[in-house]
N, C-alpha and C. Protein backbone atom coordinates (compact mmCIF):
# COMPACT_ATOMS: atom_id res chain seq x y z
N MET A 1 -25.49 100.50 -32.81
CA MET A 1 -26.28 101.07 -31.95
C MET A 1 -27.47 100.01 -32.05
N PHE A 2 -27.81 99.48 -30.99
CA PHE A 2 -29.07 98.17 -30.62
C PHE A 2 -30.32 99.52 -30.05
N SER A 3 -31.62 99.27 -30.61
CA SER A 3 -32.70 100.01 -30.58
C SER A 3 -33.18 98.98 -29.19
N ILE A 4 -33.31 99.74 -28.19
CA ILE A 4 -33.63 98.72 -26.89
C ILE A 4 -35.07 98.26 -27.21
N GLU A 5 -36.01 98.78 -27.79
CA GLU A 5 -37.41 98.56 -28.19
C GLU A 5 -37.54 96.99 -29.21
N GLU A 6 -35.97 96.87 -29.89
CA GLU A 6 -36.30 95.65 -30.36
C GLU A 6 -35.74 94.74 -29.11
N MET A 7 -34.95 94.39 -27.91
CA MET A 7 -34.80 93.85 -26.57
C MET A 7 -35.81 93.08 -26.29
N GLN A 8 -35.19 92.19 -25.99
CA GLN A 8 -36.05 91.17 -24.44
C GLN A 8 -35.64 91.28 -23.43
N PHE A 9 -36.42 90.68 -22.53
CA PHE A 9 -35.90 91.24 -20.98
C PHE A 9 -36.31 90.38 -20.37
N SER A 10 -35.30 89.96 -19.20
CA SER A 10 -35.71 88.70 -18.23
C SER A 10 -36.02 89.35 -16.87
N LYS A 11 -36.66 88.56 -15.94
CA LYS A 11 -36.91 89.02 -14.73
C LYS A 11 -35.57 89.15 -13.89
N GLU A 12 -34.51 88.55 -14.44
CA GLU A 12 -32.86 88.75 -13.15
C GLU A 12 -32.27 89.67 -14.29
N HIS A 13 -32.63 90.54 -14.43
CA HIS A 13 -32.26 91.71 -15.17
C HIS A 13 -31.19 91.42 -16.21
N ILE A 14 -31.45 90.38 -17.11
CA ILE A 14 -30.67 90.25 -18.69
C ILE A 14 -31.18 90.89 -19.67
N TRP A 15 -30.68 91.43 -20.91
CA TRP A 15 -31.02 91.40 -22.35
C TRP A 15 -31.10 90.55 -23.27
N LEU A 16 -31.74 90.18 -24.13
CA LEU A 16 -31.26 89.94 -25.40
C LEU A 16 -31.54 90.35 -26.82
N LYS A 17 -30.92 90.59 -27.66
CA LYS A 17 -30.90 91.32 -29.26
C LYS A 17 -30.74 89.99 -29.77
N LYS A 18 -31.72 89.75 -30.69
CA LYS A 18 -31.77 88.91 -31.77
C LYS A 18 -30.54 89.59 -32.56
N ILE A 19 -30.15 88.22 -33.43
CA ILE A 19 -28.66 88.82 -34.52
C ILE A 19 -29.51 88.20 -35.21
N GLN A 20 -29.61 86.59 -35.54
CA GLN A 20 -30.42 86.02 -36.56
C GLN A 20 -30.86 84.89 -35.75
N SER A 21 -31.92 83.91 -36.94
CA SER A 21 -32.31 82.71 -36.22
C SER A 21 -31.35 81.93 -34.95
N ASN A 22 -32.24 82.16 -34.14
CA ASN A 22 -31.10 81.14 -32.95
C ASN A 22 -30.37 81.95 -32.50
N GLU A 23 -29.71 83.13 -32.76
CA GLU A 23 -28.64 83.48 -32.31
C GLU A 23 -28.78 84.90 -31.18
N TYR A 24 -28.46 85.26 -30.64
CA TYR A 24 -28.85 86.60 -29.28
C TYR A 24 -27.38 87.16 -28.85
N TYR A 25 -27.45 87.88 -28.88
CA TYR A 25 -26.69 88.96 -27.86
C TYR A 25 -27.05 88.75 -26.89
N LEU A 26 -26.40 89.12 -25.65
CA LEU A 26 -26.54 88.54 -24.15
C LEU A 26 -26.04 90.14 -23.24
N GLY A 27 -26.80 90.69 -22.96
CA GLY A 27 -26.03 91.80 -21.42
C GLY A 27 -26.87 91.89 -20.65
N ILE A 28 -26.65 92.46 -19.84
CA ILE A 28 -27.18 93.43 -18.42
C ILE A 28 -27.75 94.43 -18.75
N THR A 29 -28.73 94.51 -18.20
CA THR A 29 -29.75 95.75 -18.19
C THR A 29 -28.67 97.10 -17.45
N ASP A 30 -29.59 98.32 -17.27
CA ASP A 30 -28.76 99.44 -16.93
C ASP A 30 -29.27 99.34 -15.41
N PHE A 31 -30.47 98.94 -15.47
CA PHE A 31 -31.17 98.50 -13.73
C PHE A 31 -30.07 97.65 -13.06
N ALA A 32 -29.79 96.57 -13.66
CA ALA A 32 -28.53 95.78 -12.93
C ALA A 32 -27.29 96.01 -12.79
N GLN A 33 -26.82 96.81 -13.88
CA GLN A 33 -25.71 97.81 -13.58
C GLN A 33 -25.38 98.64 -12.18
N ASP A 34 -26.60 99.85 -12.34
CA ASP A 34 -27.10 100.77 -11.33
C ASP A 34 -26.55 99.84 -10.02
N LEU A 35 -27.53 98.82 -9.69
CA LEU A 35 -27.52 97.95 -8.74
C LEU A 35 -26.14 97.49 -8.21
N LEU A 36 -25.29 97.05 -9.19
CA LEU A 36 -23.86 96.56 -8.84
C LEU A 36 -22.79 97.44 -8.93
N GLY A 37 -22.83 98.38 -9.29
CA GLY A 37 -22.10 99.58 -9.60
C GLY A 37 -21.16 99.71 -10.63
N ASP A 38 -20.02 99.90 -10.19
CA ASP A 38 -18.88 99.88 -11.55
C ASP A 38 -18.29 98.39 -11.46
N ILE A 39 -18.64 97.75 -12.88
CA ILE A 39 -18.51 96.42 -13.40
C ILE A 39 -16.70 96.62 -13.64
N VAL A 40 -15.94 95.66 -12.51
CA VAL A 40 -14.74 95.37 -13.01
C VAL A 40 -14.02 93.84 -13.83
N PHE A 41 -15.33 92.97 -13.76
CA PHE A 41 -14.84 91.81 -14.15
C PHE A 41 -15.82 91.11 -14.83
N ALA A 42 -15.89 90.19 -15.56
CA ALA A 42 -16.79 89.18 -15.99
C ALA A 42 -16.08 87.61 -16.26
N ASP A 43 -16.94 86.72 -15.96
CA ASP A 43 -16.29 85.67 -16.34
C ASP A 43 -17.45 84.55 -16.98
N ILE A 44 -17.26 84.18 -17.97
CA ILE A 44 -17.94 83.49 -18.84
C ILE A 44 -17.55 82.35 -19.71
N LYS A 45 -17.81 81.45 -19.99
CA LYS A 45 -16.90 80.53 -20.80
C LYS A 45 -17.49 79.98 -22.33
N LEU A 46 -16.31 80.08 -23.30
CA LEU A 46 -16.86 79.61 -24.18
C LEU A 46 -17.50 78.42 -24.32
N ASN A 47 -18.74 78.05 -25.29
CA ASN A 47 -18.54 76.99 -26.06
C ASN A 47 -20.07 76.72 -24.41
N GLN A 48 -19.97 77.28 -23.16
CA GLN A 48 -20.89 76.54 -22.28
C GLN A 48 -21.99 76.15 -22.37
N LYS A 49 -22.55 75.40 -21.97
CA LYS A 49 -24.02 75.40 -22.31
C LYS A 49 -24.63 75.36 -20.78
N THR A 50 -25.64 75.95 -20.58
CA THR A 50 -27.08 75.82 -19.57
C THR A 50 -27.95 75.71 -20.24
N THR A 51 -29.23 75.63 -19.09
CA THR A 51 -30.61 75.75 -18.96
C THR A 51 -30.96 76.82 -18.68
N SER A 52 -32.22 77.48 -18.82
CA SER A 52 -33.31 78.51 -18.36
C SER A 52 -32.84 78.69 -16.69
N GLY A 53 -32.51 79.87 -16.57
CA GLY A 53 -32.44 80.27 -15.12
C GLY A 53 -31.59 79.68 -14.42
N SER A 54 -30.61 78.87 -15.04
CA SER A 54 -29.26 78.74 -14.30
C SER A 54 -28.36 79.84 -14.35
N ALA A 55 -26.66 79.38 -13.85
CA ALA A 55 -26.06 80.86 -14.24
C ALA A 55 -25.03 80.50 -15.08
N LEU A 56 -25.04 81.61 -16.16
CA LEU A 56 -24.36 81.37 -17.38
C LEU A 56 -22.78 81.84 -17.01
N GLY A 57 -22.53 82.50 -16.11
CA GLY A 57 -21.47 82.88 -15.53
C GLY A 57 -21.84 84.02 -14.35
N PHE A 58 -20.34 84.90 -14.05
CA PHE A 58 -20.51 85.84 -12.96
C PHE A 58 -20.06 87.16 -13.72
N ILE A 59 -20.36 87.73 -12.78
CA ILE A 59 -20.25 89.47 -13.06
C ILE A 59 -19.90 90.16 -11.63
N GLU A 60 -18.50 90.56 -11.60
CA GLU A 60 -17.94 91.25 -10.57
C GLU A 60 -18.05 92.92 -10.90
N SER A 61 -18.63 93.48 -9.55
CA SER A 61 -18.22 95.24 -9.66
C SER A 61 -17.69 95.18 -8.35
N VAL A 62 -16.74 96.69 -7.63
CA VAL A 62 -16.39 97.09 -6.84
C VAL A 62 -17.26 96.73 -5.52
N LYS A 63 -18.77 96.73 -5.72
CA LYS A 63 -19.12 96.48 -4.37
C LYS A 63 -19.78 95.00 -4.24
N THR A 64 -19.56 94.21 -5.32
CA THR A 64 -20.11 92.48 -5.19
C THR A 64 -20.40 92.34 -6.44
N SER A 65 -20.97 90.92 -6.07
CA SER A 65 -20.27 89.71 -7.22
C SER A 65 -21.81 89.38 -7.95
N SER A 66 -22.10 88.69 -8.72
CA SER A 66 -23.39 88.21 -8.99
C SER A 66 -23.30 87.57 -9.91
N ASP A 67 -24.26 86.27 -10.25
CA ASP A 67 -24.37 85.49 -11.08
C ASP A 67 -24.83 85.65 -12.01
N ILE A 68 -24.77 85.44 -13.70
CA ILE A 68 -25.26 86.01 -14.80
C ILE A 68 -26.47 84.77 -15.26
N ILE A 69 -27.70 85.37 -15.21
CA ILE A 69 -29.10 84.17 -15.15
C ILE A 69 -29.10 84.08 -16.57
N SER A 70 -29.13 82.92 -16.98
CA SER A 70 -29.61 82.65 -18.46
C SER A 70 -30.94 82.70 -18.45
N PRO A 71 -31.31 83.41 -19.27
CA PRO A 71 -33.19 83.84 -19.96
C PRO A 71 -33.34 82.29 -20.47
N ALA A 72 -32.43 81.58 -21.04
CA ALA A 72 -32.99 80.24 -22.20
C ALA A 72 -32.03 79.16 -21.64
N ASP A 73 -32.59 77.94 -22.31
CA ASP A 73 -31.17 77.03 -22.50
C ASP A 73 -30.60 77.68 -23.43
N ALA A 74 -29.25 77.73 -23.63
CA ALA A 74 -28.14 78.37 -24.59
C ALA A 74 -27.09 77.45 -24.49
N GLU A 75 -26.13 78.15 -25.41
CA GLU A 75 -24.67 77.49 -25.45
C GLU A 75 -24.19 78.90 -25.81
N VAL A 76 -22.93 79.30 -24.99
CA VAL A 76 -22.11 80.16 -25.28
C VAL A 76 -21.34 80.12 -26.51
N ILE A 77 -21.54 80.88 -27.64
CA ILE A 77 -20.30 81.24 -28.98
C ILE A 77 -19.42 81.87 -29.17
N GLU A 78 -19.65 83.01 -28.59
CA GLU A 78 -18.84 84.10 -28.46
C GLU A 78 -19.06 84.80 -27.52
N ILE A 79 -17.44 84.85 -27.15
CA ILE A 79 -17.58 86.55 -26.24
C ILE A 79 -16.83 88.17 -26.34
N ASN A 80 -17.41 88.60 -26.13
CA ASN A 80 -17.18 90.08 -26.31
C ASN A 80 -15.82 90.13 -26.07
N PRO A 81 -14.92 90.68 -27.02
CA PRO A 81 -13.32 90.90 -26.50
C PRO A 81 -13.21 91.95 -25.88
N LEU A 82 -14.53 93.00 -25.50
CA LEU A 82 -14.43 94.33 -25.07
C LEU A 82 -14.33 93.80 -23.52
N LEU A 83 -14.77 92.55 -23.16
CA LEU A 83 -14.39 92.32 -21.80
C LEU A 83 -13.19 92.47 -20.74
N SER A 84 -12.35 92.11 -21.92
CA SER A 84 -11.27 91.88 -21.17
C SER A 84 -9.92 92.60 -21.63
N LYS A 85 -10.41 93.99 -22.56
CA LYS A 85 -9.91 95.59 -22.33
C LYS A 85 -10.29 96.25 -21.96
N SER A 86 -11.83 96.09 -21.96
CA SER A 86 -12.19 97.75 -21.52
C SER A 86 -13.73 97.26 -20.91
N ILE A 87 -14.07 96.21 -19.98
CA ILE A 87 -15.14 95.82 -19.53
C ILE A 87 -15.66 97.25 -18.74
N GLU A 88 -15.27 98.29 -18.71
CA GLU A 88 -15.60 99.70 -17.80
C GLU A 88 -17.27 100.35 -18.84
N GLN A 89 -16.81 99.86 -20.25
CA GLN A 89 -18.26 100.13 -21.46
C GLN A 89 -19.40 99.39 -20.79
N ILE A 90 -19.50 98.61 -20.39
CA ILE A 90 -20.81 98.30 -19.68
C ILE A 90 -21.22 99.25 -18.51
N ASN A 91 -20.26 99.71 -17.72
CA ASN A 91 -21.09 100.70 -16.95
C ASN A 91 -21.62 102.07 -17.57
N GLU A 92 -20.81 102.45 -18.95
CA GLU A 92 -21.55 103.68 -19.81
C GLU A 92 -22.51 103.55 -20.86
N LYS A 93 -22.36 102.25 -21.11
CA LYS A 93 -23.29 101.88 -22.29
C LYS A 93 -23.83 100.25 -21.94
N PRO A 94 -24.67 99.99 -21.10
CA PRO A 94 -25.09 98.96 -20.60
C PRO A 94 -26.35 98.17 -21.84
N TYR A 95 -26.61 98.73 -22.65
CA TYR A 95 -27.73 98.09 -23.91
C TYR A 95 -26.55 98.37 -24.80
N GLU A 96 -25.30 98.43 -24.89
CA GLU A 96 -25.09 98.85 -26.51
C GLU A 96 -23.81 97.51 -26.34
N THR A 97 -23.04 97.24 -24.89
CA THR A 97 -21.82 96.72 -24.50
C THR A 97 -22.54 95.13 -24.20
N TRP A 98 -22.58 94.22 -25.48
CA TRP A 98 -22.86 92.91 -24.75
C TRP A 98 -21.84 92.24 -24.27
N LEU A 99 -22.10 90.83 -23.22
CA LEU A 99 -21.46 90.13 -22.98
C LEU A 99 -20.90 88.74 -24.08
N CYS A 100 -21.63 88.40 -24.38
CA CYS A 100 -22.15 87.31 -24.75
C CYS A 100 -22.55 87.15 -26.36
N LYS A 101 -22.43 86.33 -27.51
CA LYS A 101 -23.79 86.01 -28.38
C LYS A 101 -23.35 84.26 -27.77
N ILE A 102 -24.93 84.17 -27.70
CA ILE A 102 -25.32 82.70 -27.70
C ILE A 102 -26.65 82.48 -28.85
N THR A 103 -26.55 80.73 -28.60
CA THR A 103 -27.45 80.30 -29.80
C THR A 103 -28.57 79.42 -28.46
N THR A 104 -29.69 79.76 -28.77
CA THR A 104 -30.82 79.30 -28.68
C THR A 104 -31.76 79.20 -29.30
N SER A 105 -33.29 78.08 -29.04
CA SER A 105 -34.24 78.49 -29.77
C SER A 105 -34.93 79.54 -29.86
N ASP A 106 -35.62 79.83 -30.62
CA ASP A 106 -36.30 81.00 -30.74
C ASP A 106 -37.88 80.95 -30.06
N SER A 107 -37.88 79.75 -29.72
CA SER A 107 -38.94 79.16 -28.94
C SER A 107 -38.75 79.55 -27.60
N ASP A 108 -37.45 79.18 -27.44
CA ASP A 108 -37.13 79.50 -25.68
C ASP A 108 -37.30 81.13 -25.08
N VAL A 109 -37.31 81.96 -25.91
CA VAL A 109 -37.18 83.34 -25.73
C VAL A 109 -38.08 84.04 -25.47
N ILE A 110 -39.43 83.11 -26.01
CA ILE A 110 -40.64 83.61 -26.51
C ILE A 110 -41.65 84.47 -25.27
N ASN A 111 -40.72 84.13 -23.84
CA ASN A 111 -41.70 84.60 -22.53
C ASN A 111 -41.06 85.38 -21.81
N LEU A 112 -39.83 85.63 -22.35
CA LEU A 112 -39.56 87.29 -22.01
C LEU A 112 -39.83 88.77 -22.40
N LEU A 113 -39.63 89.26 -21.15
CA LEU A 113 -40.50 90.74 -21.36
C LEU A 113 -39.81 91.72 -22.32
N SER A 114 -41.11 92.48 -22.98
CA SER A 114 -40.69 93.51 -23.60
C SER A 114 -40.17 94.66 -22.89
N HIS A 115 -39.32 96.04 -23.71
CA HIS A 115 -39.10 96.99 -22.68
C HIS A 115 -40.08 97.55 -21.77
N GLU A 116 -41.47 97.77 -22.87
CA GLU A 116 -42.05 98.09 -21.22
C GLU A 116 -42.71 97.49 -20.41
N GLU A 117 -42.76 96.11 -20.54
CA GLU A 117 -42.97 95.24 -19.42
C GLU A 117 -41.95 95.12 -18.64
N TYR A 118 -40.39 95.32 -18.84
CA TYR A 118 -39.58 95.28 -17.91
C TYR A 118 -39.19 96.64 -17.17
N GLN A 119 -39.56 97.91 -18.09
CA GLN A 119 -39.85 99.00 -16.90
C GLN A 119 -40.99 98.86 -16.02
N ALA A 120 -41.98 98.32 -16.18
CA ALA A 120 -43.29 97.94 -15.35
C ALA A 120 -42.81 96.71 -14.22
N LEU A 121 -41.78 96.15 -14.46
CA LEU A 121 -40.98 95.56 -13.37
C LEU A 121 -40.12 96.19 -12.37
N ILE A 122 -39.60 96.68 -12.84
CA ILE A 122 -38.50 97.65 -12.15
C ILE A 122 -39.13 98.85 -11.37
N LYS A 123 -40.11 99.33 -11.78
CA LYS A 123 -40.62 100.23 -10.94
C LYS A 123 -41.81 100.03 -9.53
N ASP A 124 -41.80 98.52 -10.13
CA ASP A 124 -42.86 97.91 -8.87
C ASP A 124 -41.85 98.25 -7.76
């Protein structure tokens, strides 16, 4: 189980959890999951490289689809195998169900928000 206080958040409703130097789990926030509705599909490509602010992939729900906006210059190094087997876990546990594992420079994520800062953002 991930501690939400150890996560960092983007304004685009993505969370990152550091695994080790330059490696992070990436997922969507509960706020994003709630806006989207029941998640049914995610499309992320292994070894895809992306820049901060660009689409890393997309996620679909029963209501709509949305780009997954990369919070940093990154490369996808692993896709969560649960995405193809039981993606509905994102609906139930968005902070425990990661979408992918990325590599990025630790310095690229220093401008992300803490949990408290993210909560203040979504309450406005």
